[in-house]
C-alpha atoms as a PDB file:
ATOM      1  CA  GLN A   1     130.056 -84.752 187.555  1.00  0.00           C
ATOM      2  CA  VAL A   2     126.850 -82.865 186.928  1.00  0.00           C
ATOM      3  CA  ARG A   3     127.005 -79.214 185.969  1.00  0.00           C
ATOM      4  CA  LEU A   4     124.005 -76.944 185.949  1.00  0.00           C
ATOM      5  CA  VAL A   5     123.714 -73.499 184.012  1.00  0.00           C
ATOM      6  CA  GLU A   6     121.105 -70.978 185.222  1.00  0.00           C
ATOM      7  CA  SER A   7     119.827 -68.210 183.154  1.00  0.00           C
ATOM      8  CA  GLY A   8     116.733 -65.857 182.944  1.00  0.00           C
ATOM      9  CA  GLY A   9     117.196 -63.557 185.943  1.00  0.00           C
ATOM     10  CA  GLY A  10     117.041 -59.948 186.040  1.00  0.00           C
ATOM     11  CA  LEU A  11     115.203 -56.829 186.848  1.00  0.00           C
ATOM     12  CA  VAL A  12     111.486 -56.644 186.681  1.00  0.00           C
ATOM     13  CA  GLN A  13     108.681 -54.262 187.881  1.00  0.00           C
ATOM     14  CA  PRO A  14     106.070 -55.469 190.215  1.00  0.00           C
ATOM     15  CA  GLY A  15     103.480 -57.486 188.418  1.00  0.00           C
ATOM     16  CA  GLY A  16     105.918 -58.433 185.736  1.00  0.00           C
ATOM     17  CA  SER A  17     107.070 -62.264 184.678  1.00  0.00           C
ATOM     18  CA  LEU A  18     110.494 -63.643 184.310  1.00  0.00           C
ATOM     19  CA  ARG A  19     111.276 -67.241 183.012  1.00  0.00           C
ATOM     20  CA  LEU A  20     114.267 -69.135 184.710  1.00  0.00           C
ATOM     21  CA  SER A  21     115.874 -71.907 182.929  1.00  0.00           C
ATOM     22  CA  CYS A  22     118.511 -74.456 184.194  1.00  0.00           C
ATOM     23  CA  THR A  23     120.189 -76.937 181.972  1.00  0.00           C
ATOM     24  CA  ALA A  24     122.350 -79.900 183.249  1.00  0.00           C
ATOM     25  CA  SER A  25     125.066 -81.605 181.479  1.00  0.00           C
ATOM     26  CA  GLY A  26     128.024 -84.063 182.293  1.00  0.00           C
ATOM     27  CA  SER A  27     127.701 -87.404 183.756  1.00  0.00           C
ATOM     28  CA  ILE A  28     123.744 -87.472 184.107  1.00  0.00           C
ATOM     29  CA  ASP A  29     122.391 -90.653 185.595  1.00  0.00           C
ATOM     30  CA  THR A  30     118.709 -90.759 186.286  1.00  0.00           C
ATOM     31  CA  ILE A  31     117.106 -87.377 187.154  1.00  0.00           C
ATOM     32  CA  TYR A  32     114.652 -88.192 190.341  1.00  0.00           C
ATOM     33  CA  VAL A  33     113.981 -84.424 191.134  1.00  0.00           C
ATOM     34  CA  MET A  34     114.406 -80.964 189.762  1.00  0.00           C
ATOM     35  CA  GLY A  35     113.743 -77.851 191.351  1.00  0.00           C
ATOM     36  CA  TRP A  36     114.046 -74.001 192.346  1.00  0.00           C
ATOM     37  CA  TYR A  37     115.114 -72.497 195.503  1.00  0.00           C
ATOM     38  CA  ARG A  38     115.674 -69.124 196.551  1.00  0.00           C
ATOM     39  CA  GLN A  39     117.866 -67.195 199.107  1.00  0.00           C
ATOM     40  CA  VAL A  40     117.989 -63.633 200.593  1.00  0.00           C
ATOM     41  CA  PRO A  41     120.962 -62.391 202.470  1.00  0.00           C
ATOM     42  CA  GLY A  42     120.502 -63.367 206.382  1.00  0.00           C
ATOM     43  CA  LYS A  43     118.271 -66.065 205.541  1.00  0.00           C
ATOM     44  CA  GLN A  44     118.249 -69.749 204.952  1.00  0.00           C
ATOM     45  CA  ARG A  45     117.551 -71.112 201.192  1.00  0.00           C
ATOM     46  CA  GLU A  46     114.076 -71.878 200.608  1.00  0.00           C
ATOM     47  CA  LEU A  47     112.217 -74.346 198.294  1.00  0.00           C
ATOM     48  CA  VAL A  48     110.219 -72.609 195.718  1.00  0.00           C
ATOM     49  CA  ALA A  49     108.978 -75.399 193.537  1.00  0.00           C
ATOM     50  CA  VAL A  50     109.914 -78.950 192.833  1.00  0.00           C
ATOM     51  CA  ILE A  51     108.860 -81.678 190.194  1.00  0.00           C
ATOM     52  CA  ASP A  52     109.969 -85.125 190.415  1.00  0.00           C
ATOM     53  CA  SER A  53     110.484 -88.002 187.595  1.00  0.00           C
ATOM     54  CA  GLY A  54     106.551 -88.764 187.467  1.00  0.00           C
ATOM     55  CA  GLY A  55     105.661 -84.899 186.999  1.00  0.00           C
ATOM     56  CA  GLY A  56     104.561 -84.444 190.424  1.00  0.00           C
ATOM     57  CA  THR A  57     104.765 -80.907 191.720  1.00  0.00           C
ATOM     58  CA  ASN A  58     105.352 -78.907 195.152  1.00  0.00           C
ATOM     59  CA  TYR A  59     105.197 -75.426 195.413  1.00  0.00           C
ATOM     60  CA  ALA A  60     105.672 -73.105 198.392  1.00  0.00           C
ATOM     61  CA  ASP A  61     102.691 -71.281 199.482  1.00  0.00           C
ATOM     62  CA  SER A  62     103.870 -68.022 198.751  1.00  0.00           C
ATOM     63  CA  VAL A  63     104.257 -68.828 194.941  1.00  0.00           C
ATOM     64  CA  LYS A  64     101.247 -71.049 194.199  1.00  0.00           C
ATOM     65  CA  GLY A  65      99.254 -69.660 191.561  1.00  0.00           C
ATOM     66  CA  ARG A  66     101.814 -67.444 190.315  1.00  0.00           C
ATOM     67  CA  PHE A  67     104.793 -69.628 189.483  1.00  0.00           C
ATOM     68  CA  THR A  68     104.889 -72.734 187.266  1.00  0.00           C
ATOM     69  CA  ILE A  69     107.667 -75.304 187.295  1.00  0.00           C
ATOM     70  CA  ALA A  70     108.272 -77.363 183.966  1.00  0.00           C
ATOM     71  CA  THR A  71     110.748 -79.657 182.253  1.00  0.00           C
ATOM     72  CA  ASP A  72     111.907 -80.541 179.106  1.00  0.00           C
ATOM     73  CA  ASN A  73     113.553 -83.788 179.946  1.00  0.00           C
ATOM     74  CA  ALA A  74     115.015 -84.428 176.218  1.00  0.00           C
ATOM     75  CA  LYS A  75     116.975 -81.436 176.878  1.00  0.00           C
ATOM     76  CA  ASN A  76     117.600 -82.036 180.782  1.00  0.00           C
ATOM     77  CA  THR A  77     116.386 -78.543 181.451  1.00  0.00           C
ATOM     78  CA  VAL A  78     113.981 -77.328 184.020  1.00  0.00           C
ATOM     79  CA  PHE A  79     112.027 -73.988 183.872  1.00  0.00           C
ATOM     80  CA  LEU A  80     110.329 -71.738 186.382  1.00  0.00           C
ATOM     81  CA  GLN A  81     107.836 -69.262 185.027  1.00  0.00           C
ATOM     82  CA  MET A  82     107.458 -66.535 187.200  1.00  0.00           C
ATOM     83  CA  ASN A  83     104.158 -64.318 186.774  1.00  0.00           C
ATOM     84  CA  SER A  84     102.719 -61.397 188.798  1.00  0.00           C
ATOM     85  CA  LEU A  85     106.248 -61.076 190.565  1.00  0.00           C
ATOM     86  CA  LYS A  86     106.174 -59.115 193.996  1.00  0.00           C
ATOM     87  CA  PRO A  87     109.123 -57.150 195.479  1.00  0.00           C
ATOM     88  CA  GLU A  88     109.299 -60.097 198.127  1.00  0.00           C
ATOM     89  CA  ASP A  89     110.209 -62.389 195.304  1.00  0.00           C
ATOM     90  CA  THR A  90     113.639 -60.673 195.022  1.00  0.00           C
ATOM     91  CA  ALA A  91     116.157 -63.374 195.840  1.00  0.00           C
ATOM     92  CA  VAL A  92     119.087 -65.324 194.206  1.00  0.00           C
ATOM     93  CA  TYR A  93     117.351 -68.383 192.736  1.00  0.00           C
ATOM     94  CA  TYR A  94     119.155 -71.755 192.599  1.00  0.00           C
ATOM     95  CA  CYS A  95     118.055 -74.931 190.705  1.00  0.00           C
ATOM     96  CA  ARG A  96     118.727 -78.276 192.056  1.00  0.00           C
ATOM     97  CA  PHE A  97     118.953 -81.700 190.436  1.00  0.00           C
ATOM     98  CA  VAL A  98     118.788 -84.838 192.268  1.00  0.00           C
ATOM     99  CA  THR A  99     120.299 -87.652 190.042  1.00  0.00           C
ATOM    100  CA  GLY A 100     121.446 -91.330 190.590  1.00  0.00           C
ATOM    101  CA  GLY A 101     125.077 -91.503 191.427  1.00  0.00           C
ATOM    102  CA  GLN A 102     125.738 -87.725 191.956  1.00  0.00           C
ATOM    103  CA  GLY A 103     123.055 -86.933 194.317  1.00  0.00           C
ATOM    104  CA  ASN A 104     122.364 -83.294 194.702  1.00  0.00           C
ATOM    105  CA  SER A 105     123.888 -80.691 192.190  1.00  0.00           C
ATOM    106  CA  TRP A 106     123.179 -77.149 192.634  1.00  0.00           C
ATOM    107  CA  GLY A 107     123.480 -74.396 189.922  1.00  0.00           C
ATOM    108  CA  GLN A 108     125.508 -71.105 190.625  1.00  0.00           C
ATOM    109  CA  GLY A 109     122.345 -69.025 191.229  1.00  0.00           C
ATOM    110  CA  THR A 110     120.867 -66.305 189.533  1.00  0.00           C
ATOM    111  CA  GLN A 111     119.872 -62.995 190.654  1.00  0.00           C
ATOM    112  CA  VAL A 112     115.898 -61.991 190.567  1.00  0.00           C
ATOM    113  CA  THR A 113     114.945 -58.430 191.485  1.00  0.00           C
ATOM    114  CA  VAL A 114     111.262 -57.091 191.454  1.00  0.00           C
ATOM    115  CA  SER A 115     111.480 -53.223 191.939  1.00  0.00           C
ATOM    116  CA  SER A 116     110.060 -50.161 190.454  1.00  0.00           C
END
């Protein structure tokens, strides 16, 4: 079983920055994809950014140029650097790993609130 632990959420003013981290532990086989998603009440969970094992990335249009996804493969960790945050970025952020054997694994979520 793969366990994901997220950290780094919190309250920040508009224009500020936060860095989210997600570390995987447990029976980790090959990691194919790592990513970040977010969800607000009443809406579907949406993709924020993903990175594959080859380093290819994909971002939601709404965060391009402001958010950056990166990994520390030696530590099975994925990061999301969020700059120029806007109130509409407020959501619960979830990390996701796609691994061989276990398939999809999700973190517990971390709240990001952008407000003055």
